[in-house]
PDB file of all heavy atoms in Angstrom:
ATOM      1  N   ARG A   1      98.156 114.102  96.505  1.00  0.00           N
ATOM      2  CA  ARG A   1      97.445 113.401  95.447  1.00  0.00           C
ATOM      3  C   ARG A   1      97.546 114.148  94.130  1.00  0.00           C
ATOM      4  O   ARG A   1      97.724 115.362  94.096  1.00  0.00           O
ATOM      5  CB  ARG A   1      95.974 113.178  95.830  1.00  0.00           C
ATOM      6  CG  ARG A   1      95.176 114.462  96.010  1.00  0.00           C
ATOM      7  CD  ARG A   1      93.689 114.153  96.167  1.00  0.00           C
ATOM      8  NE  ARG A   1      92.929 115.333  96.518  1.00  0.00           N
ATOM      9  CZ  ARG A   1      92.513 116.248  95.651  1.00  0.00           C
ATOM     10  NH1 ARG A   1      92.809 116.128  94.362  1.00  0.00           N
ATOM     11  NH2 ARG A   1      91.807 117.292  96.068  1.00  0.00           N
ATOM     12  N   ASP A   2      97.413 113.390  93.060  1.00  0.00           N
ATOM     13  CA  ASP A   2      97.411 113.948  91.729  1.00  0.00           C
ATOM     14  C   ASP A   2      96.058 114.595  91.453  1.00  0.00           C
ATOM     15  O   ASP A   2      95.045 114.243  92.053  1.00  0.00           O
ATOM     16  CB  ASP A   2      97.684 112.838  90.711  1.00  0.00           C
ATOM     17  CG  ASP A   2      97.873 113.356  89.308  1.00  0.00           C
ATOM     18  OD1 ASP A   2      98.984 113.829  88.989  1.00  0.00           O
ATOM     19  OD2 ASP A   2      96.916 113.280  88.513  1.00  0.00           O
ATOM     20  N   ASN A   3      96.039 115.539  90.508  1.00  0.00           N
ATOM     21  CA  ASN A   3      94.782 116.194  90.146  1.00  0.00           C
ATOM     22  C   ASN A   3      93.761 115.227  89.564  1.00  0.00           C
ATOM     23  O   ASN A   3      92.561 115.494  89.617  1.00  0.00           O
ATOM     24  CB  ASN A   3      95.043 117.322  89.149  1.00  0.00           C
ATOM     25  CG  ASN A   3      95.719 118.517  89.788  1.00  0.00           C
ATOM     26  OD1 ASN A   3      95.617 118.742  90.994  1.00  0.00           O
ATOM     27  ND2 ASN A   3      96.418 119.295  88.972  1.00  0.00           N
ATOM     28  N   ALA A   4      94.232 114.124  89.020  1.00  0.00           N
ATOM     29  CA  ALA A   4      93.334 113.105  88.493  1.00  0.00           C
ATOM     30  C   ALA A   4      92.634 112.327  89.586  1.00  0.00           C
ATOM     31  O   ALA A   4      91.698 111.575  89.305  1.00  0.00           O
ATOM     32  CB  ALA A   4      94.098 112.153  87.580  1.00  0.00           C
ATOM     33  N   LYS A   5      93.111 112.450  90.832  1.00  0.00           N
ATOM     34  CA  LYS A   5      92.512 111.834  92.020  1.00  0.00           C
ATOM     35  C   LYS A   5      92.653 110.313  92.045  1.00  0.00           C
ATOM     36  O   LYS A   5      91.969 109.646  92.816  1.00  0.00           O
ATOM     37  CB  LYS A   5      91.036 112.226  92.162  1.00  0.00           C
ATOM     38  CG  LYS A   5      90.783 113.716  92.243  1.00  0.00           C
ATOM     39  CD  LYS A   5      89.298 114.023  92.378  1.00  0.00           C
ATOM     40  CE  LYS A   5      89.043 115.509  92.487  1.00  0.00           C
ATOM     41  NZ  LYS A   5      89.401 116.211  91.229  1.00  0.00           N
ATOM     42  N   THR A   6      93.532 109.772  91.237  1.00  0.00           N
ATOM     43  CA  THR A   6      93.768 108.336  91.222  1.00  0.00           C
ATOM     44  C   THR A   6      95.216 107.971  91.524  1.00  0.00           C
ATOM     45  O   THR A   6      95.556 106.805  91.490  1.00  0.00           O
ATOM     46  CB  THR A   6      93.378 107.727  89.862  1.00  0.00           C
ATOM     47  OG1 THR A   6      94.076 108.401  88.816  1.00  0.00           O
ATOM     48  CG2 THR A   6      91.873 107.851  89.634  1.00  0.00           C
ATOM     49  N   VAL A   7      96.036 108.945  91.835  1.00  0.00           N
ATOM     50  CA  VAL A   7      97.427 108.715  92.184  1.00  0.00           C
ATOM     51  C   VAL A   7      97.753 109.479  93.464  1.00  0.00           C
ATOM     52  O   VAL A   7      97.386 110.643  93.602  1.00  0.00           O
ATOM     53  CB  VAL A   7      98.389 109.176  91.064  1.00  0.00           C
ATOM     54  CG1 VAL A   7      99.837 108.874  91.441  1.00  0.00           C
ATOM     55  CG2 VAL A   7      98.030 108.505  89.745  1.00  0.00           C
ATOM     56  N   ILE A   8      98.412 108.805  94.405  1.00  0.00           N
ATOM     57  CA  ILE A   8      98.896 109.480  95.597  1.00  0.00           C
ATOM     58  C   ILE A   8     100.405 109.305  95.693  1.00  0.00           C
ATOM     59  O   ILE A   8     100.972 108.371  95.124  1.00  0.00           O
ATOM     60  CB  ILE A   8      98.231 108.982  96.896  1.00  0.00           C
ATOM     61  CG1 ILE A   8      98.539 107.502  97.140  1.00  0.00           C
ATOM     62  CG2 ILE A   8      96.744 109.260  96.875  1.00  0.00           C
ATOM     63  CD1 ILE A   8      98.174 107.035  98.541  1.00  0.00           C
ATOM     64  N   TYR A   9     101.027 110.215  96.437  1.00  0.00           N
ATOM     65  CA  TYR A   9     102.462 110.211  96.603  1.00  0.00           C
ATOM     66  C   TYR A   9     102.814 110.292  98.080  1.00  0.00           C
ATOM     67  O   TYR A   9     102.039 110.806  98.890  1.00  0.00           O
ATOM     68  CB  TYR A   9     103.099 111.400  95.874  1.00  0.00           C
ATOM     69  CG  TYR A   9     102.722 111.491  94.420  1.00  0.00           C
ATOM     70  CD1 TYR A   9     101.641 112.256  94.011  1.00  0.00           C
ATOM     71  CD2 TYR A   9     103.447 110.804  93.450  1.00  0.00           C
ATOM     72  CE1 TYR A   9     101.284 112.347  92.674  1.00  0.00           C
ATOM     73  CE2 TYR A   9     103.100 110.881  92.120  1.00  0.00           C
ATOM     74  CZ  TYR A   9     102.023 111.650  91.730  1.00  0.00           C
ATOM     75  OH  TYR A   9     101.680 111.725  90.404  1.00  0.00           O
ATOM     76  N   LEU A  10     103.971 109.789  98.413  1.00  0.00           N
ATOM     77  CA  LEU A  10     104.517 109.950  99.747  1.00  0.00           C
ATOM     78  C   LEU A  10     105.938 110.463  99.607  1.00  0.00           C
ATOM     79  O   LEU A  10     106.840 109.706  99.240  1.00  0.00           O
ATOM     80  CB  LEU A  10     104.494 108.637 100.531  1.00  0.00           C
ATOM     81  CG  LEU A  10     104.923 108.751 101.993  1.00  0.00           C
ATOM     82  CD1 LEU A  10     103.895 109.556 102.791  1.00  0.00           C
ATOM     83  CD2 LEU A  10     105.108 107.369 102.624  1.00  0.00           C
ATOM     84  N   GLN A  11     106.118 111.748  99.853  1.00  0.00           N
ATOM     85  CA  GLN A  11     107.448 112.338  99.842  1.00  0.00           C
ATOM     86  C   GLN A  11     108.096 112.076 101.191  1.00  0.00           C
ATOM     87  O   GLN A  11     107.589 112.523 102.223  1.00  0.00           O
ATOM     88  CB  GLN A  11     107.369 113.841  99.564  1.00  0.00           C
ATOM     89  CG  GLN A  11     108.717 114.552  99.536  1.00  0.00           C
ATOM     90  CD  GLN A  11     109.582 114.089  98.400  1.00  0.00           C
ATOM     91  OE1 GLN A  11     109.115 113.961  97.267  1.00  0.00           O
ATOM     92  NE2 GLN A  11     110.844 113.825  98.683  1.00  0.00           N
ATOM     93  N   MET A  12     109.201 111.359 101.180  1.00  0.00           N
ATOM     94  CA  MET A  12     109.877 110.933 102.388  1.00  0.00           C
ATOM     95  C   MET A  12     111.225 111.630 102.471  1.00  0.00           C
ATOM     96  O   MET A  12     112.111 111.359 101.659  1.00  0.00           O
ATOM     97  CB  MET A  12     110.056 109.418 102.395  1.00  0.00           C
ATOM     98  CG  MET A  12     108.754 108.654 102.113  1.00  0.00           C
ATOM     99  SD  MET A  12     109.030 106.914 101.659  1.00  0.00           S
ATOM    100  CE  MET A  12     109.713 106.273 103.169  1.00  0.00           C
ATOM    101  N   ASN A  13     111.379 112.522 103.439  1.00  0.00           N
ATOM    102  CA  ASN A  13     112.611 113.274 103.611  1.00  0.00           C
ATOM    103  C   ASN A  13     113.309 112.885 104.909  1.00  0.00           C
ATOM    104  O   ASN A  13     112.686 112.364 105.834  1.00  0.00           O
ATOM    105  CB  ASN A  13     112.331 114.779 103.616  1.00  0.00           C
ATOM    106  CG  ASN A  13     111.775 115.281 102.308  1.00  0.00           C
ATOM    107  OD1 ASN A  13     112.080 114.751 101.243  1.00  0.00           O
ATOM    108  ND2 ASN A  13     110.964 116.333 102.381  1.00  0.00           N
ATOM    109  N   THR A  14     114.593 113.185 104.976  1.00  0.00           N
ATOM    110  CA  THR A  14     115.402 112.909 106.158  1.00  0.00           C
ATOM    111  C   THR A  14     115.193 111.484 106.649  1.00  0.00           C
ATOM    112  O   THR A  14     114.905 111.238 107.818  1.00  0.00           O
ATOM    113  CB  THR A  14     115.081 113.929 107.275  1.00  0.00           C
ATOM    114  OG1 THR A  14     114.943 115.235 106.729  1.00  0.00           O
ATOM    115  CG2 THR A  14     116.238 113.974 108.290  1.00  0.00           C
ATOM    116  N   LEU A  15     115.339 110.550 105.739  1.00  0.00           N
ATOM    117  CA  LEU A  15     115.111 109.144 106.068  1.00  0.00           C
ATOM    118  C   LEU A  15     116.150 108.632 107.062  1.00  0.00           C
ATOM    119  O   LEU A  15     117.315 109.031 107.028  1.00  0.00           O
ATOM    120  CB  LEU A  15     115.137 108.309 104.803  1.00  0.00           C
ATOM    121  CG  LEU A  15     113.905 108.433 103.905  1.00  0.00           C
ATOM    122  CD1 LEU A  15     114.198 107.915 102.513  1.00  0.00           C
ATOM    123  CD2 LEU A  15     112.723 107.694 104.520  1.00  0.00           C
ATOM    124  N   THR A  16     115.708 107.759 107.942  1.00  0.00           N
ATOM    125  CA  THR A  16     116.566 107.103 108.923  1.00  0.00           C
ATOM    126  C   THR A  16     116.391 105.603 108.805  1.00  0.00           C
ATOM    127  O   THR A  16     115.433 105.117 108.202  1.00  0.00           O
ATOM    128  CB  THR A  16     116.221 107.553 110.350  1.00  0.00           C
ATOM    129  OG1 THR A  16     115.019 106.895 110.775  1.00  0.00           O
ATOM    130  CG2 THR A  16     116.034 109.054 110.429  1.00  0.00           C
ATOM    131  N   PRO A  17     117.321 104.821 109.382  1.00  0.00           N
ATOM    132  CA  PRO A  17     117.154 103.366 109.346  1.00  0.00           C
ATOM    133  C   PRO A  17     115.836 102.887 109.959  1.00  0.00           C
ATOM    134  O   PRO A  17     115.356 101.810 109.595  1.00  0.00           O
ATOM    135  CB  PRO A  17     118.357 102.857 110.144  1.00  0.00           C
ATOM    136  CG  PRO A  17     119.403 103.899 109.914  1.00  0.00           C
ATOM    137  CD  PRO A  17     118.649 105.202 109.904  1.00  0.00           C
ATOM    138  N   GLU A  18     115.254 103.666 110.866  1.00  0.00           N
ATOM    139  CA  GLU A  18     113.964 103.297 111.452  1.00  0.00           C
ATOM    140  C   GLU A  18     112.825 103.336 110.438  1.00  0.00           C
ATOM    141  O   GLU A  18     111.757 102.783 110.701  1.00  0.00           O
ATOM    142  CB  GLU A  18     113.640 104.219 112.625  1.00  0.00           C
ATOM    143  CG  GLU A  18     114.630 104.138 113.788  1.00  0.00           C
ATOM    144  CD  GLU A  18     114.664 102.767 114.416  1.00  0.00           C
ATOM    145  OE1 GLU A  18     113.600 102.137 114.542  1.00  0.00           O
ATOM    146  OE2 GLU A  18     115.768 102.321 114.792  1.00  0.00           O
ATOM    147  N   ASP A  19     113.058 103.963 109.303  1.00  0.00           N
ATOM    148  CA  ASP A  19     112.043 104.011 108.251  1.00  0.00           C
ATOM    149  C   ASP A  19     112.105 102.794 107.332  1.00  0.00           C
ATOM    150  O   ASP A  19     111.252 102.660 106.441  1.00  0.00           O
ATOM    151  CB  ASP A  19     112.193 105.278 107.411  1.00  0.00           C
ATOM    152  CG  ASP A  19     111.980 106.533 108.227  1.00  0.00           C
ATOM    153  OD1 ASP A  19     110.984 106.594 108.977  1.00  0.00           O
ATOM    154  OD2 ASP A  19     112.810 107.459 108.113  1.00  0.00           O
ATOM    155  N   THR A  20     113.091 101.938 107.496  1.00  0.00           N
ATOM    156  CA  THR A  20     113.214 100.741 106.673  1.00  0.00           C
ATOM    157  C   THR A  20     112.006  99.834 106.881  1.00  0.00           C
ATOM    158  O   THR A  20     111.694  99.450 108.006  1.00  0.00           O
ATOM    159  CB  THR A  20     114.503  99.976 107.009  1.00  0.00           C
ATOM    160  OG1 THR A  20     115.635 100.778 106.661  1.00  0.00           O
ATOM    161  CG2 THR A  20     114.567  98.662 106.255  1.00  0.00           C
ATOM    162  N   ALA A  21     111.317  99.516 105.793  1.00  0.00           N
ATOM    163  CA  ALA A  21     110.117  98.707 105.868  1.00  0.00           C
ATOM    164  C   ALA A  21     109.589  98.464 104.466  1.00  0.00           C
ATOM    165  O   ALA A  21     110.051  99.073 103.493  1.00  0.00           O
ATOM    166  CB  ALA A  21     109.036  99.412 106.703  1.00  0.00           C
ATOM    167  N   THR A  22     108.614  97.574 104.371  1.00  0.00           N
ATOM    168  CA  THR A  22     107.832  97.453 103.154  1.00  0.00           C
ATOM    169  C   THR A  22     106.663  98.413 103.270  1.00  0.00           C
ATOM    170  O   THR A  22     105.913  98.369 104.248  1.00  0.00           O
ATOM    171  CB  THR A  22     107.322  96.018 102.954  1.00  0.00           C
ATOM    172  OG1 THR A  22     108.434  95.137 102.884  1.00  0.00           O
ATOM    173  CG2 THR A  22     106.518  95.907 101.669  1.00  0.00           C
ATOM    174  N   TYR A  23     106.515  99.289 102.299  1.00  0.00           N
ATOM    175  CA  TYR A  23     105.471 100.299 102.319  1.00  0.00           C
ATOM    176  C   TYR A  23     104.315  99.864 101.419  1.00  0.00           C
ATOM    177  O   TYR A  23     104.524  99.489 100.253  1.00  0.00           O
ATOM    178  CB  TYR A  23     106.021 101.645 101.851  1.00  0.00           C
ATOM    179  CG  TYR A  23     106.849 102.325 102.905  1.00  0.00           C
ATOM    180  CD1 TYR A  23     108.104 101.837 103.253  1.00  0.00           C
ATOM    181  CD2 TYR A  23     106.378 103.450 103.579  1.00  0.00           C
ATOM    182  CE1 TYR A  23     108.860 102.439 104.237  1.00  0.00           C
ATOM    183  CE2 TYR A  23     107.128 104.063 104.559  1.00  0.00           C
ATOM    184  CZ  TYR A  23     108.364 103.552 104.890  1.00  0.00           C
ATOM    185  OH  TYR A  23     109.115 104.168 105.873  1.00  0.00           O
ATOM    186  N   TYR A  24     103.111  99.926 101.961  1.00  0.00           N
ATOM    187  CA  TYR A  24     101.914  99.499 101.250  1.00  0.00           C
ATOM    188  C   TYR A  24     100.971 100.656 101.025  1.00  0.00           C
ATOM    189  O   TYR A  24     100.696 101.435 101.933  1.00  0.00           O
ATOM    190  CB  TYR A  24     101.167  98.424 102.052  1.00  0.00           C
ATOM    191  CG  TYR A  24     101.934  97.139 102.248  1.00  0.00           C
ATOM    192  CD1 TYR A  24     102.784  96.965 103.327  1.00  0.00           C
ATOM    193  CD2 TYR A  24     101.799  96.100 101.335  1.00  0.00           C
ATOM    194  CE1 TYR A  24     103.486  95.783 103.503  1.00  0.00           C
ATOM    195  CE2 TYR A  24     102.492  94.915 101.501  1.00  0.00           C
ATOM    196  CZ  TYR A  24     103.334  94.760 102.584  1.00  0.00           C
ATOM    197  OH  TYR A  24     104.024  93.578 102.756  1.00  0.00           O
ATOM    198  N   CYS A  25     100.465 100.754  99.822  1.00  0.00           N
ATOM    199  CA  CYS A  25      99.407 101.693  99.500  1.00  0.00           C
ATOM    200  C   CYS A  25      98.068 101.058  99.842  1.00  0.00           C
ATOM    201  O   CYS A  25      97.880  99.853  99.681  1.00  0.00           O
ATOM    202  CB  CYS A  25      99.467 102.043  98.019  1.00  0.00           C
ATOM    203  SG  CYS A  25      98.202 103.205  97.464  1.00  0.00           S
ATOM    204  N   ALA A  26      97.136 101.863 100.329  1.00  0.00           N
ATOM    205  CA  ALA A  26      95.825 101.378 100.686  1.00  0.00           C
ATOM    206  C   ALA A  26      94.749 102.360 100.256  1.00  0.00           C
ATOM    207  O   ALA A  26      95.000 103.568 100.173  1.00  0.00           O
ATOM    208  CB  ALA A  26      95.736 101.145 102.205  1.00  0.00           C
ATOM    209  N   ALA A  27      93.558 101.841 100.002  1.00  0.00           N
ATOM    210  CA  ALA A  27      92.422 102.670  99.593  1.00  0.00           C
ATOM    211  C   ALA A  27      91.195 102.251 100.391  1.00  0.00           C
ATOM    212  O   ALA A  27      91.001 101.075 100.686  1.00  0.00           O
ATOM    213  CB  ALA A  27      92.163 102.539  98.099  1.00  0.00           C
ATOM    214  N   SER A  28      90.361 103.245 100.718  1.00  0.00           N
ATOM    215  CA  SER A  28      89.201 103.017 101.546  1.00  0.00           C
ATOM    216  C   SER A  28      87.951 103.596 100.926  1.00  0.00           C
ATOM    217  O   SER A  28      87.996 104.678 100.320  1.00  0.00           O
ATOM    218  CB  SER A  28      89.415 103.622 102.934  1.00  0.00           C
ATOM    219  OG  SER A  28      88.249 103.511 103.735  1.00  0.00           O
ATOM    220  N   ARG A  29      86.837 102.910 101.095  1.00  0.00           N
ATOM    221  CA  ARG A  29      85.545 103.434 100.677  1.00  0.00           C
ATOM    222  C   ARG A  29      84.938 104.353 101.728  1.00  0.00           C
ATOM    223  O   ARG A  29      83.969 105.060 101.446  1.00  0.00           O
ATOM    224  CB  ARG A  29      84.572 102.281 100.406  1.00  0.00           C
ATOM    225  CG  ARG A  29      84.966 101.397  99.233  1.00  0.00           C
ATOM    226  CD  ARG A  29      84.065 100.188  99.122  1.00  0.00           C
ATOM    227  NE  ARG A  29      84.252  99.289 100.243  1.00  0.00           N
ATOM    228  CZ  ARG A  29      83.541  98.195 100.457  1.00  0.00           C
ATOM    229  NH1 ARG A  29      82.558  97.868  99.616  1.00  0.00           N
ATOM    230  NH2 ARG A  29      83.786  97.430 101.500  1.00  0.00           N
ATOM    231  N   TYR A  30      85.487 104.377 102.928  1.00  0.00           N
ATOM    232  CA  TYR A  30      84.986 105.197 104.020  1.00  0.00           C
ATOM    233  C   TYR A  30      85.117 106.679 103.674  1.00  0.00           C
ATOM    234  O   TYR A  30      86.143 107.112 103.154  1.00  0.00           O
ATOM    235  CB  TYR A  30      85.762 104.882 105.287  1.00  0.00           C
ATOM    236  CG  TYR A  30      85.337 105.650 106.506  1.00  0.00           C
ATOM    237  CD1 TYR A  30      84.051 105.540 107.018  1.00  0.00           C
ATOM    238  CD2 TYR A  30      86.243 106.486 107.164  1.00  0.00           C
ATOM    239  CE1 TYR A  30      83.666 106.241 108.142  1.00  0.00           C
ATOM    240  CE2 TYR A  30      85.863 107.184 108.291  1.00  0.00           C
ATOM    241  CZ  TYR A  30      84.581 107.065 108.782  1.00  0.00           C
ATOM    242  OH  TYR A  30      84.201 107.759 109.903  1.00  0.00           O
ATOM    243  N   SER A  31      84.079 107.453 103.962  1.00  0.00           N
ATOM    244  CA  SER A  31      84.057 108.868 103.608  1.00  0.00           C
ATOM    245  C   SER A  31      84.074 109.799 104.814  1.00  0.00           C
ATOM    246  O   SER A  31      83.924 111.008 104.656  1.00  0.00           O
ATOM    247  CB  SER A  31      82.838 109.177 102.739  1.00  0.00           C
ATOM    248  OG  SER A  31      81.630 108.902 103.427  1.00  0.00           O
ATOM    249  N   GLY A  32      84.259 109.251 106.010  1.00  0.00           N
ATOM    250  CA  GLY A  32      84.296 110.057 107.213  1.00  0.00           C
ATOM    251  C   GLY A  32      85.694 110.516 107.551  1.00  0.00           C
ATOM    252  O   GLY A  32      86.516 110.818 106.677  1.00  0.00           O
ATOM    253  N   THR A  33      85.978 110.569 108.848  1.00  0.00           N
ATOM    254  CA  THR A  33      87.286 111.003 109.326  1.00  0.00           C
ATOM    255  C   THR A  33      88.382 110.061 108.847  1.00  0.00           C
ATOM    256  O   THR A  33      88.206 108.832 108.855  1.00  0.00           O
ATOM    257  CB  THR A  33      87.295 111.072 110.852  1.00  0.00           C
ATOM    258  OG1 THR A  33      86.256 111.947 111.298  1.00  0.00           O
ATOM    259  CG2 THR A  33      88.625 111.570 111.376  1.00  0.00           C
ATOM    260  N   LEU A  34      89.507 110.604 108.426  1.00  0.00           N
ATOM    261  CA  LEU A  34      90.629 109.782 107.998  1.00  0.00           C
ATOM    262  C   LEU A  34      91.036 108.832 109.103  1.00  0.00           C
ATOM    263  O   LEU A  34      91.211 109.227 110.259  1.00  0.00           O
ATOM    264  CB  LEU A  34      91.810 110.660 107.604  1.00  0.00           C
ATOM    265  CG  LEU A  34      91.686 111.405 106.275  1.00  0.00           C
ATOM    266  CD1 LEU A  34      92.828 112.396 106.112  1.00  0.00           C
ATOM    267  CD2 LEU A  34      91.663 110.432 105.106  1.00  0.00           C
ATOM    268  N   SER A  35      91.240 107.569 108.752  1.00  0.00           N
ATOM    269  CA  SER A  35      91.510 106.527 109.722  1.00  0.00           C
ATOM    270  C   SER A  35      92.949 106.048 109.649  1.00  0.00           C
ATOM    271  O   SER A  35      93.556 105.991 108.573  1.00  0.00           O
ATOM    272  CB  SER A  35      90.574 105.338 109.494  1.00  0.00           C
ATOM    273  OG  SER A  35      90.891 104.274 110.367  1.00  0.00           O
ATOM    274  N   SER A  36      93.496 105.689 110.822  1.00  0.00           N
ATOM    275  CA  SER A  36      94.820 105.098 110.913  1.00  0.00           C
ATOM    276  C   SER A  36      94.765 103.592 111.148  1.00  0.00           C
ATOM    277  O   SER A  36      95.808 102.957 111.303  1.00  0.00           O
ATOM    278  CB  SER A  36      95.616 105.747 112.054  1.00  0.00           C
ATOM    279  OG  SER A  36      94.989 105.514 113.300  1.00  0.00           O
TER     280      SER A  36
END
């Protein structure tokens, strides 16, 4: 995340064809354990 706390990044290395997809950013109001 950025220091401003309003931008996140996903550094994707060693990409394979299995990574092909539409990638969506999401935000949550939940403050507990990170959820999948």
